[in-house]
Amino acid sequence: MNQKFKLILFVFLMVGTTCFSQSDVPPTPAVQGAPPPPGTPIDGGITILLAAGAYYGIKKSIKR
């Protein structure tokens, strides 16, 4: 495959994916005071990220 064919294929795949991902259905409005839907992450794993950063920082400082 030549470079031009790969570029054209990539562009068509990206355009197709973008068009397919567009939705005509608007999201439902949130009701004040209602709990979030099940499965919604509250912190998104920020505690794990902070713990991993602290571990990495301590490990690097001890190595020096």
PDB file of N, CA and C in Angstrom:
ATOM      1  N   MET A   1       0.842  -1.186   0.000  1.00  0.00           N
ATOM      2  CA  MET A   1       0.000   0.000   0.000  1.00  0.00           C
ATOM      3  C   MET A   1       0.883   1.243   0.000  1.00  0.00           C
ATOM      4  N   ASN A   2       0.509   2.168  -0.819  1.00  0.00           N
ATOM      5  CA  ASN A   2       1.300   3.392  -0.822  1.00  0.00           C
ATOM      6  C   ASN A   2       0.762   4.382   0.208  1.00  0.00           C
ATOM      7  N   GLN A   3       1.503   5.433   0.400  1.00  0.00           N
ATOM      8  CA  GLN A   3       1.206   6.405   1.452  1.00  0.00           C
ATOM      9  C   GLN A   3      -0.108   7.145   1.181  1.00  0.00           C
ATOM     10  N   LYS A   4      -0.379   7.449  -0.083  1.00  0.00           N
ATOM     11  CA  LYS A   4      -1.594   8.199  -0.424  1.00  0.00           C
ATOM     12  C   LYS A   4      -2.845   7.376  -0.132  1.00  0.00           C
ATOM     13  N   PHE A   5      -2.799   6.083  -0.446  1.00  0.00           N
ATOM     14  CA  PHE A   5      -3.933   5.204  -0.168  1.00  0.00           C
ATOM     15  C   PHE A   5      -4.195   5.097   1.328  1.00  0.00           C
ATOM     16  N   LYS A   6      -3.142   5.003   2.130  1.00  0.00           N
ATOM     17  CA  LYS A   6      -3.295   4.931   3.580  1.00  0.00           C
ATOM     18  C   LYS A   6      -3.929   6.198   4.137  1.00  0.00           C
ATOM     19  N   LEU A   7      -3.533   7.348   3.597  1.00  0.00           N
ATOM     20  CA  LEU A   7      -4.103   8.617   4.050  1.00  0.00           C
ATOM     21  C   LEU A   7      -5.579   8.705   3.702  1.00  0.00           C
ATOM     22  N   ILE A   8      -5.941   8.318   2.490  1.00  0.00           N
ATOM     23  CA  ILE A   8      -7.345   8.368   2.070  1.00  0.00           C
ATOM     24  C   ILE A   8      -8.180   7.410   2.917  1.00  0.00           C
ATOM     25  N   LEU A   9      -7.665   6.211   3.157  1.00  0.00           N
ATOM     26  CA  LEU A   9      -8.371   5.244   3.993  1.00  0.00           C
ATOM     27  C   LEU A   9      -8.570   5.781   5.408  1.00  0.00           C
ATOM     28  N   PHE A  10      -7.539   6.390   5.966  1.00  0.00           N
ATOM     29  CA  PHE A  10      -7.631   6.960   7.311  1.00  0.00           C
ATOM     30  C   PHE A  10      -8.680   8.067   7.372  1.00  0.00           C
ATOM     31  N   VAL A  11      -8.692   8.945   6.384  1.00  0.00           N
ATOM     32  CA  VAL A  11      -9.659  10.048   6.372  1.00  0.00           C
ATOM     33  C   VAL A  11     -11.080   9.511   6.279  1.00  0.00           C
ATOM     34  N   PHE A  12     -11.333   8.535   5.407  1.00  0.00           N
ATOM     35  CA  PHE A  12     -12.678   7.976   5.289  1.00  0.00           C
ATOM     36  C   PHE A  12     -13.112   7.272   6.566  1.00  0.00           C
ATOM     37  N   LEU A  13     -12.201   6.567   7.219  1.00  0.00           N
ATOM     38  CA  LEU A  13     -12.556   5.907   8.480  1.00  0.00           C
ATOM     39  C   LEU A  13     -12.884   6.933   9.565  1.00  0.00           C
ATOM     40  N   MET A  14     -12.130   8.005   9.643  1.00  0.00           N
ATOM     41  CA  MET A  14     -12.391   9.028  10.662  1.00  0.00           C
ATOM     42  C   MET A  14     -13.703   9.757  10.393  1.00  0.00           C
ATOM     43  N   VAL A  15     -13.987  10.068   9.139  1.00  0.00           N
ATOM     44  CA  VAL A  15     -15.242  10.749   8.804  1.00  0.00           C
ATOM     45  C   VAL A  15     -16.421   9.833   9.105  1.00  0.00           C
ATOM     46  N   GLY A  16     -16.307   8.562   8.747  1.00  0.00           N
ATOM     47  CA  GLY A  16     -17.384   7.614   9.019  1.00  0.00           C
ATOM     48  C   GLY A  16     -17.632   7.436  10.502  1.00  0.00           C
ATOM     49  N   THR A  17     -16.569   7.358  11.282  1.00  0.00           N
ATOM     50  CA  THR A  17     -16.703   7.209  12.729  1.00  0.00           C
ATOM     51  C   THR A  17     -17.331   8.452  13.341  1.00  0.00           C
ATOM     52  N   THR A  18     -16.933   9.613  12.864  1.00  0.00           N
ATOM     53  CA  THR A  18     -17.482  10.857  13.395  1.00  0.00           C
ATOM     54  C   THR A  18     -18.961  10.986  13.073  1.00  0.00           C
ATOM     55  N   CYS A  19     -19.336  10.652  11.857  1.00  0.00           N
ATOM     56  CA  CYS A  19     -20.754  10.740  11.476  1.00  0.00           C
ATOM     57  C   CYS A  19     -21.594   9.729  12.233  1.00  0.00           C
ATOM     58  N   PHE A  20     -21.063   8.550  12.468  1.00  0.00           N
ATOM     59  CA  PHE A  20     -21.802   7.514  13.180  1.00  0.00           C
ATOM     60  C   PHE A  20     -21.989   7.868  14.651  1.00  0.00           C
ATOM     61  N   SER A  21     -21.044   8.595  15.231  1.00  0.00           N
ATOM     62  CA  SER A  21     -21.116   8.895  16.653  1.00  0.00           C
ATOM     63  C   SER A  21     -22.050  10.058  16.978  1.00  0.00           C
ATOM     64  N   GLN A  22     -22.509  10.778  15.975  1.00  0.00           N
ATOM     65  CA  GLN A  22     -23.431  11.888  16.203  1.00  0.00           C
ATOM     66  C   GLN A  22     -24.798  11.333  16.587  1.00  0.00           C
ATOM     67  N   SER A  23     -25.428  11.940  17.559  1.00  0.00           N
ATOM     68  CA  SER A  23     -26.711  11.458  18.048  1.00  0.00           C
ATOM     69  C   SER A  23     -27.788  12.515  17.815  1.00  0.00           C
ATOM     70  N   ASP A  24     -28.978  12.063  17.402  1.00  0.00           N
ATOM     71  CA  ASP A  24     -30.099  12.972  17.203  1.00  0.00           C
ATOM     72  C   ASP A  24     -30.931  13.136  18.465  1.00  0.00           C
ATOM     73  N   VAL A  25     -30.761  12.244  19.419  1.00  0.00           N
ATOM     74  CA  VAL A  25     -31.553  12.267  20.641  1.00  0.00           C
ATOM     75  C   VAL A  25     -30.853  13.153  21.665  1.00  0.00           C
ATOM     76  N   PRO A  26     -31.508  14.240  22.108  1.00  0.00           N
ATOM     77  CA  PRO A  26     -30.877  15.080  23.122  1.00  0.00           C
ATOM     78  C   PRO A  26     -30.891  14.382  24.482  1.00  0.00           C
ATOM     79  N   PRO A  27     -29.940  14.693  25.335  1.00  0.00           N
ATOM     80  CA  PRO A  27     -29.935  14.072  26.665  1.00  0.00           C
ATOM     81  C   PRO A  27     -31.116  14.552  27.496  1.00  0.00           C
ATOM     82  N   THR A  28     -31.547  13.707  28.409  1.00  0.00           N
ATOM     83  CA  THR A  28     -32.663  14.092  29.267  1.00  0.00           C
ATOM     84  C   THR A  28     -32.190  15.128  30.273  1.00  0.00           C
ATOM     85  N   PRO A  29     -33.018  16.109  30.580  1.00  0.00           N
ATOM     86  CA  PRO A  29     -32.595  17.131  31.550  1.00  0.00           C
ATOM     87  C   PRO A  29     -32.485  16.545  32.954  1.00  0.00           C
ATOM     88  N   ALA A  30     -31.531  17.040  33.697  1.00  0.00           N
ATOM     89  CA  ALA A  30     -31.319  16.570  35.063  1.00  0.00           C
ATOM     90  C   ALA A  30     -32.360  17.184  35.990  1.00  0.00           C
ATOM     91  N   VAL A  31     -32.859  16.390  36.893  1.00  0.00           N
ATOM     92  CA  VAL A  31     -33.828  16.848  37.879  1.00  0.00           C
ATOM     93  C   VAL A  31     -33.053  17.284  39.112  1.00  0.00           C
ATOM     94  N   GLN A  32     -33.354  18.460  39.626  1.00  0.00           N
ATOM     95  CA  GLN A  32     -32.659  18.964  40.803  1.00  0.00           C
ATOM     96  C   GLN A  32     -32.930  18.054  41.993  1.00  0.00           C
ATOM     97  N   GLY A  33     -31.875  17.662  42.673  1.00  0.00           N
ATOM     98  CA  GLY A  33     -32.005  16.844  43.874  1.00  0.00           C
ATOM     99  C   GLY A  33     -32.058  15.356  43.593  1.00  0.00           C
ATOM    100  N   ALA A  34     -32.087  14.957  42.327  1.00  0.00           N
ATOM    101  CA  ALA A  34     -32.139  13.532  42.008  1.00  0.00           C
ATOM    102  C   ALA A  34     -30.726  12.955  42.092  1.00  0.00           C
ATOM    103  N   PRO A  35     -30.600  11.706  42.533  1.00  0.00           N
ATOM    104  CA  PRO A  35     -29.269  11.089  42.576  1.00  0.00           C
ATOM    105  C   PRO A  35     -28.750  10.835  41.156  1.00  0.00           C
ATOM    106  N   PRO A  36     -27.452  10.760  41.002  1.00  0.00           N
ATOM    107  CA  PRO A  36     -26.914  10.478  39.666  1.00  0.00           C
ATOM    108  C   PRO A  36     -27.259   9.060  39.228  1.00  0.00           C
ATOM    109  N   PRO A  37     -27.239   8.791  37.953  1.00  0.00           N
ATOM    110  CA  PRO A  37     -27.565   7.433  37.500  1.00  0.00           C
ATOM    111  C   PRO A  37     -26.547   6.427  38.013  1.00  0.00           C
ATOM    112  N   PRO A  38     -26.950   5.176  38.178  1.00  0.00           N
ATOM    113  CA  PRO A  38     -26.024   4.166  38.688  1.00  0.00           C
ATOM    114  C   PRO A  38     -24.845   3.974  37.745  1.00  0.00           C
ATOM    115  N   GLY A  39     -23.690   3.736  38.326  1.00  0.00           N
ATOM    116  CA  GLY A  39     -22.500   3.521  37.538  1.00  0.00           C
ATOM    117  C   GLY A  39     -21.722   4.782  37.234  1.00  0.00           C
ATOM    118  N   THR A  40     -22.213   5.928  37.667  1.00  0.00           N
ATOM    119  CA  THR A  40     -21.508   7.177  37.425  1.00  0.00           C
ATOM    120  C   THR A  40     -20.360   7.296  38.419  1.00  0.00           C
ATOM    121  N   PRO A  41     -19.121   7.447  37.935  1.00  0.00           N
ATOM    122  CA  PRO A  41     -18.002   7.558  38.876  1.00  0.00           C
ATOM    123  C   PRO A  41     -18.037   8.897  39.599  1.00  0.00           C
ATOM    124  N   ILE A  42     -17.730   8.879  40.868  1.00  0.00           N
ATOM    125  CA  ILE A  42     -17.756  10.108  41.652  1.00  0.00           C
ATOM    126  C   ILE A  42     -16.423  10.826  41.561  1.00  0.00           C
ATOM    127  N   ASP A  43     -15.314  10.101  41.770  1.00  0.00           N
ATOM    128  CA  ASP A  43     -14.020  10.767  41.748  1.00  0.00           C
ATOM    129  C   ASP A  43     -13.186  10.360  40.540  1.00  0.00           C
ATOM    130  N   GLY A  44     -13.605   9.388  39.792  1.00  0.00           N
ATOM    131  CA  GLY A  44     -12.883   8.986  38.600  1.00  0.00           C
ATOM    132  C   GLY A  44     -11.539   8.345  38.883  1.00  0.00           C
ATOM    133  N   GLY A  45     -11.307   7.833  40.079  1.00  0.00           N
ATOM    134  CA  GLY A  45     -10.056   7.160  40.401  1.00  0.00           C
ATOM    135  C   GLY A  45      -8.930   8.108  40.766  1.00  0.00           C
ATOM    136  N   ILE A  46      -9.273   9.309  41.207  1.00  0.00           N
ATOM    137  CA  ILE A  46      -8.242  10.292  41.539  1.00  0.00           C
ATOM    138  C   ILE A  46      -7.405   9.841  42.725  1.00  0.00           C
ATOM    139  N   THR A  47      -7.990   9.096  43.648  1.00  0.00           N
ATOM    140  CA  THR A  47      -7.218   8.632  44.809  1.00  0.00           C
ATOM    141  C   THR A  47      -6.143   7.637  44.389  1.00  0.00           C
ATOM    142  N   ILE A  48      -6.462   6.768  43.443  1.00  0.00           N
ATOM    143  CA  ILE A  48      -5.466   5.814  42.950  1.00  0.00           C
ATOM    144  C   ILE A  48      -4.350   6.558  42.228  1.00  0.00           C
ATOM    145  N   LEU A  49      -4.715   7.569  41.454  1.00  0.00           N
ATOM    146  CA  LEU A  49      -3.714   8.360  40.741  1.00  0.00           C
ATOM    147  C   LEU A  49      -2.801   9.095  41.717  1.00  0.00           C
ATOM    148  N   LEU A  50      -3.357   9.673  42.758  1.00  0.00           N
ATOM    149  CA  LEU A  50      -2.544  10.368  43.751  1.00  0.00           C
ATOM    150  C   LEU A  50      -1.628   9.395  44.506  1.00  0.00           C
ATOM    151  N   ALA A  51      -2.152   8.224  44.848  1.00  0.00           N
ATOM    152  CA  ALA A  51      -1.330   7.229  45.542  1.00  0.00           C
ATOM    153  C   ALA A  51      -0.186   6.745  44.652  1.00  0.00           C
ATOM    154  N   ALA A  52      -0.461   6.538  43.370  1.00  0.00           N
ATOM    155  CA  ALA A  52       0.595   6.109  42.455  1.00  0.00           C
ATOM    156  C   ALA A  52       1.642   7.204  42.293  1.00  0.00           C
ATOM    157  N   GLY A  53       1.227   8.454  42.236  1.00  0.00           N
ATOM    158  CA  GLY A  53       2.176   9.563  42.137  1.00  0.00           C
ATOM    159  C   GLY A  53       3.030   9.694  43.379  1.00  0.00           C
ATOM    160  N   ALA A  54       2.410   9.518  44.543  1.00  0.00           N
ATOM    161  CA  ALA A  54       3.173   9.588  45.792  1.00  0.00           C
ATOM    162  C   ALA A  54       4.180   8.446  45.870  1.00  0.00           C
ATOM    163  N   TYR A  55       3.768   7.260  45.484  1.00  0.00           N
ATOM    164  CA  TYR A  55       4.679   6.105  45.490  1.00  0.00           C
ATOM    165  C   TYR A  55       5.855   6.348  44.555  1.00  0.00           C
ATOM    166  N   TYR A  56       5.572   6.842  43.360  1.00  0.00           N
ATOM    167  CA  TYR A  56       6.637   7.107  42.390  1.00  0.00           C
ATOM    168  C   TYR A  56       7.584   8.197  42.899  1.00  0.00           C
ATOM    169  N   GLY A  57       7.038   9.248  43.501  1.00  0.00           N
ATOM    170  CA  GLY A  57       7.872  10.323  44.023  1.00  0.00           C
ATOM    171  C   GLY A  57       8.765   9.866  45.161  1.00  0.00           C
ATOM    172  N   ILE A  58       8.223   9.078  46.067  1.00  0.00           N
ATOM    173  CA  ILE A  58       9.019   8.564  47.187  1.00  0.00           C
ATOM    174  C   ILE A  58      10.089   7.621  46.682  1.00  0.00           C
ATOM    175  N   LYS A  59       9.738   6.771  45.732  1.00  0.00           N
ATOM    176  CA  LYS A  59      10.718   5.840  45.179  1.00  0.00           C
ATOM    177  C   LYS A  59      11.867   6.577  44.494  1.00  0.00           C
ATOM    178  N   LYS A  60      11.559   7.634  43.740  1.00  0.00           N
ATOM    179  CA  LYS A  60      12.604   8.416  43.072  1.00  0.00           C
ATOM    180  C   LYS A  60      13.480   9.166  44.063  1.00  0.00           C
ATOM    181  N   SER A  61      12.861   9.698  45.134  1.00  0.00           N
ATOM    182  CA  SER A  61      13.653  10.445  46.112  1.00  0.00           C
ATOM    183  C   SER A  61      14.561   9.531  46.938  1.00  0.00           C
ATOM    184  N   ILE A  62      14.110   8.310  47.213  1.00  0.00           N
ATOM    185  CA  ILE A  62      14.945   7.372  47.950  1.00  0.00           C
ATOM    186  C   ILE A  62      16.101   6.887  47.070  1.00  0.00           C
ATOM    187  N   LYS A  63      15.855   6.730  45.783  1.00  0.00           N
ATOM    188  CA  LYS A  63      16.888   6.273  44.871  1.00  0.00           C
ATOM    189  C   LYS A  63      18.027   7.272  44.734  1.00  0.00           C
ATOM    190  N   ARG A  64      17.733   8.541  44.877  1.00  0.00           N
ATOM    191  CA  ARG A  64      18.765   9.573  44.801  1.00  0.00           C
ATOM    192  C   ARG A  64      19.563   9.552  46.057  1.00  0.00           C
TER     193      ARG A  64
END
